[in-house]
Amino acid sequence: MSTAMNFGSKSFKPRPPDKGAFPLDHFGECSAFKERFMECLRESGYESSACRQRAMAYLECRMERQAIVFCITFLFCCFWLRQLMANEPLEKLGFKDLIDEKSEAKPEK
């Protein structure tokens, strides 16, 4: 009977995400990319593999954009820049095949 109420034997230890934070796009800098991706998902019956090109474009937008963060406290004001997403090679995000297709499609000079 005591085993049913033994919650302390295994404790949950939270850990941070592997890739860090994914801040919200408060200023809508990448909302057009997000909307195109969501539209593709709806049209494809939520088959994400059909929308990988748009997913890659959305993540590229997030890596390129920087947000200006403004904070006000009763003592001072501050500004700083932060990215919407840390720069990562697209190959590490699972888009290696799409990058290879792009390079093959470019004509060589």
Protein backbone atom coordinates (compact mmCIF):
# COMPACT_ATOMS: atom_id res chain seq x y z
CA MET A 1 0.00 0.00 0.00
CA SER A 2 2.85 2.37 0.70
CA THR A 3 4.29 1.82 -2.79
CA ALA A 4 1.26 3.47 -4.43
CA MET A 5 1.91 6.72 -2.59
CA ASN A 6 5.69 6.75 -3.02
CA PHE A 7 6.15 9.83 -5.26
CA GLY A 8 9.59 10.74 -3.94
CA SER A 9 11.48 7.76 -5.36
CA LYS A 10 12.03 9.33 -8.81
CA SER A 11 12.45 13.05 -8.99
CA PHE A 12 12.04 15.03 -12.18
CA LYS A 13 15.04 17.16 -13.06
CA PRO A 14 14.24 19.75 -15.72
CA ARG A 15 16.93 20.60 -18.24
CA PRO A 16 17.21 23.42 -20.76
CA PRO A 17 16.42 22.78 -24.44
CA ASP A 18 19.28 21.47 -26.56
CA LYS A 19 19.26 24.46 -28.91
CA GLY A 20 18.59 27.15 -26.31
CA ALA A 21 15.73 29.62 -26.27
CA PHE A 22 13.39 30.24 -29.18
CA PRO A 23 12.13 33.80 -28.48
CA LEU A 24 8.74 34.93 -29.69
CA ASP A 25 8.67 37.16 -32.75
CA HIS A 26 6.96 40.07 -30.99
CA PHE A 27 7.48 42.47 -33.91
CA GLY A 28 6.28 40.03 -36.56
CA GLU A 29 9.53 40.17 -38.51
CA CYS A 30 9.08 36.63 -39.82
CA SER A 31 5.29 36.42 -39.72
CA ALA A 32 4.96 36.32 -43.53
CA PHE A 33 7.24 33.26 -43.64
CA LYS A 34 5.30 31.67 -40.79
CA GLU A 35 1.96 32.30 -42.52
CA ARG A 36 3.21 30.76 -45.79
CA PHE A 37 4.38 27.71 -43.85
CA MET A 38 1.06 27.39 -41.98
CA GLU A 39 -0.89 27.81 -45.25
CA CYS A 40 1.18 25.02 -46.80
CA LEU A 41 0.45 22.77 -43.81
CA ARG A 42 -3.29 23.37 -44.09
CA GLU A 43 -3.27 22.75 -47.86
CA SER A 44 -1.24 19.53 -47.51
CA GLY A 45 -3.42 18.10 -44.75
CA TYR A 46 -0.73 18.89 -42.16
CA GLU A 47 1.87 16.78 -43.95
CA SER A 48 5.01 18.60 -42.82
CA SER A 49 7.33 16.93 -45.33
CA ALA A 50 5.46 18.72 -48.14
CA CYS A 51 6.34 22.08 -46.56
CA ARG A 52 10.03 21.65 -45.78
CA GLN A 53 11.10 24.38 -48.22
CA ARG A 54 8.88 26.89 -46.41
CA ALA A 55 10.01 25.65 -43.00
CA MET A 56 13.61 26.21 -44.06
CA ALA A 57 12.78 29.74 -45.27
CA TYR A 58 11.10 30.52 -41.93
CA LEU A 59 14.11 29.32 -39.93
CA GLU A 60 16.47 31.27 -42.21
CA CYS A 61 14.41 34.39 -41.54
CA ARG A 62 14.65 33.85 -37.80
CA MET A 63 18.42 33.38 -37.99
CA GLU A 64 18.88 36.55 -40.09
CA ARG A 65 16.70 38.88 -38.03
CA GLN A 66 17.77 40.62 -34.90
CA ALA A 67 15.31 42.08 -32.44
CA ILE A 68 15.94 45.23 -30.49
CA VAL A 69 15.01 44.65 -26.90
CA PHE A 70 14.04 47.68 -24.85
CA CYS A 71 13.58 47.53 -21.14
CA ILE A 72 12.54 50.22 -18.72
CA THR A 73 13.02 50.01 -15.02
CA PHE A 74 12.50 52.70 -12.48
CA LEU A 75 16.26 53.33 -12.47
CA PHE A 76 17.35 53.20 -16.11
CA CYS A 77 16.50 52.32 -19.72
CA CYS A 78 18.46 49.89 -21.81
CA PHE A 79 18.61 48.60 -25.37
CA TRP A 80 20.28 45.52 -26.73
CA LEU A 81 20.11 43.30 -29.79
CA ARG A 82 19.20 39.66 -29.73
CA GLN A 83 18.60 37.22 -32.52
CA LEU A 84 15.28 35.47 -32.94
CA MET A 85 17.27 32.26 -33.37
CA ALA A 86 20.94 31.37 -33.04
CA ASN A 87 22.73 30.79 -36.33
CA GLU A 88 22.94 27.10 -37.13
CA PRO A 89 24.02 25.41 -40.34
CA LEU A 90 20.88 24.30 -42.15
CA GLU A 91 22.43 20.87 -42.55
CA LYS A 92 22.31 20.44 -38.77
CA LEU A 93 18.63 21.41 -38.80
CA GLY A 94 17.76 18.58 -41.21
CA PHE A 95 17.75 20.47 -44.52
CA LYS A 96 20.90 19.02 -46.12
CA ASP A 97 18.95 17.45 -48.98
CA LEU A 98 17.23 20.76 -49.82
CA ILE A 99 20.55 22.61 -49.83
CA ASP A 100 22.03 19.96 -52.16
CA GLU A 101 19.05 20.44 -54.52
CA LYS A 102 19.64 24.21 -54.58
CA SER A 103 23.32 23.81 -55.43
CA GLU A 104 22.54 21.31 -58.21
CA ALA A 105 19.93 23.66 -59.70
CA LYS A 106 22.44 26.54 -60.00
CA PRO A 107 24.12 26.59 -63.40
CA GLU A 108 27.90 26.50 -63.29
CA LYS A 109 29.82 29.28 -65.04
